[in-house]
Amino acid sequence: MVELEPYNVYGWTDKYQNDFTDQLTLLKPNTSIFKVFAYDKPPELGGYEMLCGYIVSRSKTVTSLWADKHLFF
């Protein structure tokens, strides 16, 4: 099992600050966005959760030219 935990390097809260696409474009390259945790075996069988990596933006975050506003990392 794999779990992601937001890695809050900007101090963002659950309180609305601005549109999420505008907020994500503030991410600088090489910023850790999520911590990635994985279990060595199912928790029901006594598995332990371990930090196994990070999801990192490697370039400037930009919105697409499409109306769906998907983001590219």
PDB file of N, CA and C in Angstrom:
ATOM      1  N   MET A   1       0.849  -1.159   0.000  1.00  0.00           N
ATOM      2  CA  MET A   1       0.000   0.000   0.000  1.00  0.00           C
ATOM      3  C   MET A   1       0.903   1.233   0.000  1.00  0.00           C
ATOM      4  N   VAL A   2       0.528   2.230  -0.777  1.00  0.00           N
ATOM      5  CA  VAL A   2       1.276   3.473  -0.886  1.00  0.00           C
ATOM      6  C   VAL A   2       0.372   4.627  -0.458  1.00  0.00           C
ATOM      7  N   GLU A   3       0.919   5.556   0.313  1.00  0.00           N
ATOM      8  CA  GLU A   3       0.172   6.734   0.739  1.00  0.00           C
ATOM      9  C   GLU A   3       0.978   7.982   0.423  1.00  0.00           C
ATOM     10  N   LEU A   4       0.274   9.047   0.076  1.00  0.00           N
ATOM     11  CA  LEU A   4       0.913  10.336  -0.190  1.00  0.00           C
ATOM     12  C   LEU A   4       0.515  11.313   0.900  1.00  0.00           C
ATOM     13  N   GLU A   5       1.478  12.089   1.358  1.00  0.00           N
ATOM     14  CA  GLU A   5       1.219  13.125   2.358  1.00  0.00           C
ATOM     15  C   GLU A   5       1.719  14.444   1.780  1.00  0.00           C
ATOM     16  N   PRO A   6       0.862  15.459   1.736  1.00  0.00           N
ATOM     17  CA  PRO A   6       1.332  16.749   1.219  1.00  0.00           C
ATOM     18  C   PRO A   6       2.551  17.226   2.000  1.00  0.00           C
ATOM     19  N   TYR A   7       3.523  17.717   1.285  1.00  0.00           N
ATOM     20  CA  TYR A   7       4.737  18.237   1.902  1.00  0.00           C
ATOM     21  C   TYR A   7       4.651  19.750   1.809  1.00  0.00           C
ATOM     22  N   ASN A   8       4.203  20.359   2.884  1.00  0.00           N
ATOM     23  CA  ASN A   8       3.835  21.772   2.882  1.00  0.00           C
ATOM     24  C   ASN A   8       5.050  22.657   3.141  1.00  0.00           C
ATOM     25  N   VAL A   9       5.737  23.035   2.093  1.00  0.00           N
ATOM     26  CA  VAL A   9       6.917  23.890   2.236  1.00  0.00           C
ATOM     27  C   VAL A   9       6.565  25.380   2.182  1.00  0.00           C
ATOM     28  N   TYR A  10       5.316  25.698   1.826  1.00  0.00           N
ATOM     29  CA  TYR A  10       4.909  27.095   1.691  1.00  0.00           C
ATOM     30  C   TYR A  10       4.006  27.575   2.827  1.00  0.00           C
ATOM     31  N   GLY A  11       3.652  26.700   3.739  1.00  0.00           N
ATOM     32  CA  GLY A  11       2.789  27.101   4.842  1.00  0.00           C
ATOM     33  C   GLY A  11       1.337  27.283   4.449  1.00  0.00           C
ATOM     34  N   TRP A  12       0.916  26.630   3.359  1.00  0.00           N
ATOM     35  CA  TRP A  12      -0.470  26.738   2.922  1.00  0.00           C
ATOM     36  C   TRP A  12      -1.382  26.023   3.912  1.00  0.00           C
ATOM     37  N   THR A  13      -2.561  26.580   4.106  1.00  0.00           N
ATOM     38  CA  THR A  13      -3.537  26.002   5.028  1.00  0.00           C
ATOM     39  C   THR A  13      -4.770  25.562   4.247  1.00  0.00           C
ATOM     40  N   ASP A  14      -5.733  24.994   4.968  1.00  0.00           N
ATOM     41  CA  ASP A  14      -6.992  24.606   4.336  1.00  0.00           C
ATOM     42  C   ASP A  14      -7.873  25.822   4.051  1.00  0.00           C
ATOM     43  N   LYS A  15      -7.550  26.957   4.656  1.00  0.00           N
ATOM     44  CA  LYS A  15      -8.301  28.183   4.400  1.00  0.00           C
ATOM     45  C   LYS A  15      -8.045  28.615   2.955  1.00  0.00           C
ATOM     46  N   TYR A  16      -9.100  29.023   2.259  1.00  0.00           N
ATOM     47  CA  TYR A  16      -8.963  29.446   0.868  1.00  0.00           C
ATOM     48  C   TYR A  16      -7.984  30.607   0.752  1.00  0.00           C
ATOM     49  N   GLN A  17      -7.030  30.495  -0.187  1.00  0.00           N
ATOM     50  CA  GLN A  17      -6.062  31.564  -0.407  1.00  0.00           C
ATOM     51  C   GLN A  17      -6.201  32.149  -1.803  1.00  0.00           C
ATOM     52  N   ASN A  18      -6.333  31.308  -2.799  1.00  0.00           N
ATOM     53  CA  ASN A  18      -6.607  31.720  -4.177  1.00  0.00           C
ATOM     54  C   ASN A  18      -6.859  30.467  -4.997  1.00  0.00           C
ATOM     55  N   ASP A  19      -7.140  30.630  -6.273  1.00  0.00           N
ATOM     56  CA  ASP A  19      -7.397  29.492  -7.142  1.00  0.00           C
ATOM     57  C   ASP A  19      -6.210  28.526  -7.085  1.00  0.00           C
ATOM     58  N   PHE A  20      -6.481  27.218  -6.971  1.00  0.00           N
ATOM     59  CA  PHE A  20      -5.404  26.255  -6.790  1.00  0.00           C
ATOM     60  C   PHE A  20      -4.427  26.244  -7.964  1.00  0.00           C
ATOM     61  N   THR A  21      -4.900  26.532  -9.178  1.00  0.00           N
ATOM     62  CA  THR A  21      -3.964  26.549 -10.312  1.00  0.00           C
ATOM     63  C   THR A  21      -2.999  27.725 -10.202  1.00  0.00           C
ATOM     64  N   ASP A  22      -3.501  28.854  -9.720  1.00  0.00           N
ATOM     65  CA  ASP A  22      -2.610  29.996  -9.492  1.00  0.00           C
ATOM     66  C   ASP A  22      -1.623  29.687  -8.374  1.00  0.00           C
ATOM     67  N   GLN A  23      -2.114  29.034  -7.343  1.00  0.00           N
ATOM     68  CA  GLN A  23      -1.262  28.699  -6.207  1.00  0.00           C
ATOM     69  C   GLN A  23      -0.171  27.711  -6.615  1.00  0.00           C
ATOM     70  N   LEU A  24      -0.524  26.709  -7.431  1.00  0.00           N
ATOM     71  CA  LEU A  24       0.468  25.720  -7.840  1.00  0.00           C
ATOM     72  C   LEU A  24       1.521  26.298  -8.777  1.00  0.00           C
ATOM     73  N   THR A  25       1.176  27.340  -9.511  1.00  0.00           N
ATOM     74  CA  THR A  25       2.181  27.951 -10.383  1.00  0.00           C
ATOM     75  C   THR A  25       3.263  28.672  -9.579  1.00  0.00           C
ATOM     76  N   LEU A  26       3.047  28.849  -8.278  1.00  0.00           N
ATOM     77  CA  LEU A  26       4.065  29.446  -7.416  1.00  0.00           C
ATOM     78  C   LEU A  26       5.181  28.461  -7.057  1.00  0.00           C
ATOM     79  N   LEU A  27       4.932  27.171  -7.305  1.00  0.00           N
ATOM     80  CA  LEU A  27       5.940  26.158  -6.978  1.00  0.00           C
ATOM     81  C   LEU A  27       7.198  26.380  -7.805  1.00  0.00           C
ATOM     82  N   LYS A  28       8.317  26.396  -7.137  1.00  0.00           N
ATOM     83  CA  LYS A  28       9.595  26.553  -7.826  1.00  0.00           C
ATOM     84  C   LYS A  28      10.103  25.175  -8.250  1.00  0.00           C
ATOM     85  N   PRO A  29      10.919  25.107  -9.291  1.00  0.00           N
ATOM     86  CA  PRO A  29      11.509  23.823  -9.685  1.00  0.00           C
ATOM     87  C   PRO A  29      12.261  23.193  -8.511  1.00  0.00           C
ATOM     88  N   ASN A  30      12.253  21.860  -8.497  1.00  0.00           N
ATOM     89  CA  ASN A  30      12.929  21.069  -7.464  1.00  0.00           C
ATOM     90  C   ASN A  30      12.326  21.247  -6.075  1.00  0.00           C
ATOM     91  N   THR A  31      11.005  21.457  -6.037  1.00  0.00           N
ATOM     92  CA  THR A  31      10.282  21.567  -4.776  1.00  0.00           C
ATOM     93  C   THR A  31       9.596  20.247  -4.468  1.00  0.00           C
ATOM     94  N   SER A  32       9.783  19.731  -3.259  1.00  0.00           N
ATOM     95  CA  SER A  32       9.073  18.524  -2.829  1.00  0.00           C
ATOM     96  C   SER A  32       7.607  18.878  -2.618  1.00  0.00           C
ATOM     97  N   ILE A  33       6.727  18.119  -3.262  1.00  0.00           N
ATOM     98  CA  ILE A  33       5.295  18.395  -3.178  1.00  0.00           C
ATOM     99  C   ILE A  33       4.591  17.402  -2.259  1.00  0.00           C
ATOM    100  N   PHE A  34       4.978  16.130  -2.345  1.00  0.00           N
ATOM    101  CA  PHE A  34       4.395  15.081  -1.519  1.00  0.00           C
ATOM    102  C   PHE A  34       5.479  14.192  -0.946  1.00  0.00           C
ATOM    103  N   LYS A  35       5.250  13.689   0.263  1.00  0.00           N
ATOM    104  CA  LYS A  35       6.047  12.602   0.823  1.00  0.00           C
ATOM    105  C   LYS A  35       5.350  11.308   0.399  1.00  0.00           C
ATOM    106  N   VAL A  36       6.120  10.301   0.023  1.00  0.00           N
ATOM    107  CA  VAL A  36       5.561   9.014  -0.393  1.00  0.00           C
ATOM    108  C   VAL A  36       5.912   7.980   0.669  1.00  0.00           C
ATOM    109  N   PHE A  37       4.881   7.343   1.219  1.00  0.00           N
ATOM    110  CA  PHE A  37       5.059   6.307   2.223  1.00  0.00           C
ATOM    111  C   PHE A  37       4.570   4.986   1.649  1.00  0.00           C
ATOM    112  N   ALA A  38       5.221   3.907   2.035  1.00  0.00           N
ATOM    113  CA  ALA A  38       4.794   2.575   1.596  1.00  0.00           C
ATOM    114  C   ALA A  38       4.909   1.619   2.774  1.00  0.00           C
ATOM    115  N   TYR A  39       4.061   0.610   2.781  1.00  0.00           N
ATOM    116  CA  TYR A  39       4.099  -0.427   3.803  1.00  0.00           C
ATOM    117  C   TYR A  39       4.929  -1.597   3.281  1.00  0.00           C
ATOM    118  N   ASP A  40       5.683  -2.225   4.175  1.00  0.00           N
ATOM    119  CA  ASP A  40       6.465  -3.390   3.771  1.00  0.00           C
ATOM    120  C   ASP A  40       5.587  -4.617   3.587  1.00  0.00           C
ATOM    121  N   LYS A  41       4.422  -4.624   4.231  1.00  0.00           N
ATOM    122  CA  LYS A  41       3.382  -5.637   4.043  1.00  0.00           C
ATOM    123  C   LYS A  41       2.084  -5.037   4.554  1.00  0.00           C
ATOM    124  N   PRO A  42       0.946  -5.652   4.303  1.00  0.00           N
ATOM    125  CA  PRO A  42      -0.331  -5.056   4.710  1.00  0.00           C
ATOM    126  C   PRO A  42      -0.354  -4.719   6.197  1.00  0.00           C
ATOM    127  N   PRO A  43      -0.952  -3.563   6.546  1.00  0.00           N
ATOM    128  CA  PRO A  43      -1.024  -3.179   7.955  1.00  0.00           C
ATOM    129  C   PRO A  43      -1.706  -4.239   8.817  1.00  0.00           C
ATOM    130  N   GLU A  44      -2.681  -4.941   8.219  1.00  0.00           N
ATOM    131  CA  GLU A  44      -3.405  -5.985   8.958  1.00  0.00           C
ATOM    132  C   GLU A  44      -2.485  -7.132   9.360  1.00  0.00           C
ATOM    133  N   LEU A  45      -1.374  -7.273   8.667  1.00  0.00           N
ATOM    134  CA  LEU A  45      -0.411  -8.336   8.959  1.00  0.00           C
ATOM    135  C   LEU A  45       0.804  -7.798   9.713  1.00  0.00           C
ATOM    136  N   GLY A  46       0.652  -6.603  10.287  1.00  0.00           N
ATOM    137  CA  GLY A  46       1.731  -6.025  11.074  1.00  0.00           C
ATOM    138  C   GLY A  46       2.741  -5.221  10.280  1.00  0.00           C
ATOM    139  N   GLY A  47       2.375  -4.805   9.083  1.00  0.00           N
ATOM    140  CA  GLY A  47       3.290  -4.035   8.252  1.00  0.00           C
ATOM    141  C   GLY A  47       3.603  -2.665   8.832  1.00  0.00           C
ATOM    142  N   TYR A  48       4.761  -2.186   8.488  1.00  0.00           N
ATOM    143  CA  TYR A  48       5.206  -0.874   8.946  1.00  0.00           C
ATOM    144  C   TYR A  48       5.227   0.116   7.782  1.00  0.00           C
ATOM    145  N   GLU A  49       4.785   1.327   8.067  1.00  0.00           N
ATOM    146  CA  GLU A  49       4.816   2.398   7.075  1.00  0.00           C
ATOM    147  C   GLU A  49       6.204   3.041   7.106  1.00  0.00           C
ATOM    148  N   MET A  50       6.778   3.214   5.920  1.00  0.00           N
ATOM    149  CA  MET A  50       8.105   3.815   5.827  1.00  0.00           C
ATOM    150  C   MET A  50       8.118   4.890   4.755  1.00  0.00           C
ATOM    151  N   LEU A  51       8.852   5.962   5.018  1.00  0.00           N
ATOM    152  CA  LEU A  51       9.058   6.986   4.004  1.00  0.00           C
ATOM    153  C   LEU A  51       9.952   6.390   2.925  1.00  0.00           C
ATOM    154  N   CYS A  52       9.477   6.400   1.682  1.00  0.00           N
ATOM    155  CA  CYS A  52      10.284   5.800   0.613  1.00  0.00           C
ATOM    156  C   CYS A  52      10.661   6.809  -0.470  1.00  0.00           C
ATOM    157  N   GLY A  53      10.179   8.050  -0.371  1.00  0.00           N
ATOM    158  CA  GLY A  53      10.574   9.035  -1.363  1.00  0.00           C
ATOM    159  C   GLY A  53       9.699  10.270  -1.334  1.00  0.00           C
ATOM    160  N   TYR A  54       9.906  11.109  -2.339  1.00  0.00           N
ATOM    161  CA  TYR A  54       9.182  12.368  -2.472  1.00  0.00           C
ATOM    162  C   TYR A  54       8.745  12.532  -3.921  1.00  0.00           C
ATOM    163  N   ILE A  55       7.628  13.210  -4.122  1.00  0.00           N
ATOM    164  CA  ILE A  55       7.248  13.650  -5.459  1.00  0.00           C
ATOM    165  C   ILE A  55       7.731  15.090  -5.560  1.00  0.00           C
ATOM    166  N   VAL A  56       8.573  15.345  -6.562  1.00  0.00           N
ATOM    167  CA  VAL A  56       9.264  16.624  -6.675  1.00  0.00           C
ATOM    168  C   VAL A  56       8.966  17.259  -8.027  1.00  0.00           C
ATOM    169  N   SER A  57       8.642  18.552  -8.007  1.00  0.00           N
ATOM    170  CA  SER A  57       8.488  19.268  -9.276  1.00  0.00           C
ATOM    171  C   SER A  57       9.890  19.507  -9.827  1.00  0.00           C
ATOM    172  N   ARG A  58      10.103  19.213 -11.082  1.00  0.00           N
ATOM    173  CA  ARG A  58      11.436  19.363 -11.678  1.00  0.00           C
ATOM    174  C   ARG A  58      11.527  20.552 -12.629  1.00  0.00           C
ATOM    175  N   SER A  59      10.388  21.189 -12.871  1.00  0.00           N
ATOM    176  CA  SER A  59      10.396  22.344 -13.765  1.00  0.00           C
ATOM    177  C   SER A  59       9.332  23.329 -13.295  1.00  0.00           C
ATOM    178  N   LYS A  60       9.274  24.452 -13.939  1.00  0.00           N
ATOM    179  CA  LYS A  60       8.252  25.449 -13.633  1.00  0.00           C
ATOM    180  C   LYS A  60       6.878  24.850 -13.885  1.00  0.00           C
ATOM    181  N   THR A  61       5.936  25.091 -12.993  1.00  0.00           N
ATOM    182  CA  THR A  61       4.574  24.587 -13.157  1.00  0.00           C
ATOM    183  C   THR A  61       3.775  25.589 -13.974  1.00  0.00           C
ATOM    184  N   VAL A  62       3.156  25.125 -15.040  1.00  0.00           N
ATOM    185  CA  VAL A  62       2.359  25.999 -15.900  1.00  0.00           C
ATOM    186  C   VAL A  62       1.012  25.354 -16.158  1.00  0.00           C
ATOM    187  N   THR A  63       0.002  26.163 -16.405  1.00  0.00           N
ATOM    188  CA  THR A  63      -1.296  25.630 -16.788  1.00  0.00           C
ATOM    189  C   THR A  63      -1.285  25.339 -18.279  1.00  0.00           C
ATOM    190  N   SER A  64      -2.172  24.478 -18.703  1.00  0.00           N
ATOM    191  CA  SER A  64      -2.231  24.135 -20.121  1.00  0.00           C
ATOM    192  C   SER A  64      -3.011  25.195 -20.898  1.00  0.00           C
ATOM    193  N   LEU A  65      -3.017  25.040 -22.200  1.00  0.00           N
ATOM    194  CA  LEU A  65      -3.777  25.951 -23.052  1.00  0.00           C
ATOM    195  C   LEU A  65      -5.209  25.476 -23.243  1.00  0.00           C
ATOM    196  N   TRP A  66      -5.575  24.374 -22.603  1.00  0.00           N
ATOM    197  CA  TRP A  66      -6.909  23.803 -22.740  1.00  0.00           C
ATOM    198  C   TRP A  66      -7.806  24.310 -21.624  1.00  0.00           C
ATOM    199  N   ALA A  67      -9.102  24.255 -21.858  1.00  0.00           N
ATOM    200  CA  ALA A  67     -10.064  24.741 -20.871  1.00  0.00           C
ATOM    201  C   ALA A  67     -10.086  23.907 -19.603  1.00  0.00           C
ATOM    202  N   ASP A  68      -9.515  22.690 -19.650  1.00  0.00           N
ATOM    203  CA  ASP A  68      -9.550  21.825 -18.474  1.00  0.00           C
ATOM    204  C   ASP A  68      -8.573  22.268 -17.381  1.00  0.00           C
ATOM    205  N   LYS A  69      -7.626  23.153 -17.714  1.00  0.00           N
ATOM    206  CA  LYS A  69      -6.648  23.694 -16.773  1.00  0.00           C
ATOM    207  C   LYS A  69      -5.829  22.610 -16.085  1.00  0.00           C
ATOM    208  N   HIS A  70      -5.517  21.528 -16.778  1.00  0.00           N
ATOM    209  CA  HIS A  70      -4.601  20.539 -16.202  1.00  0.00           C
ATOM    210  C   HIS A  70      -3.251  21.202 -15.998  1.00  0.00           C
ATOM    211  N   LEU A  71      -2.484  20.666 -15.071  1.00  0.00           N
ATOM    212  CA  LEU A  71      -1.168  21.222 -14.790  1.00  0.00           C
ATOM    213  C   LEU A  71      -0.087  20.264 -15.263  1.00  0.00           C
ATOM    214  N   PHE A  72       1.006  20.803 -15.699  1.00  0.00           N
ATOM    215  CA  PHE A  72       2.158  20.005 -16.080  1.00  0.00           C
ATOM    216  C   PHE A  72       3.259  20.268 -15.065  1.00  0.00           C
ATOM    217  N   PHE A  73       3.896  19.212 -14.621  1.00  0.00           N
ATOM    218  CA  PHE A  73       4.993  19.350 -13.649  1.00  0.00           C
ATOM    219  C   PHE A  73       6.303  19.038 -14.345  1.00  0.00           C
TER     220      PHE A  73
END
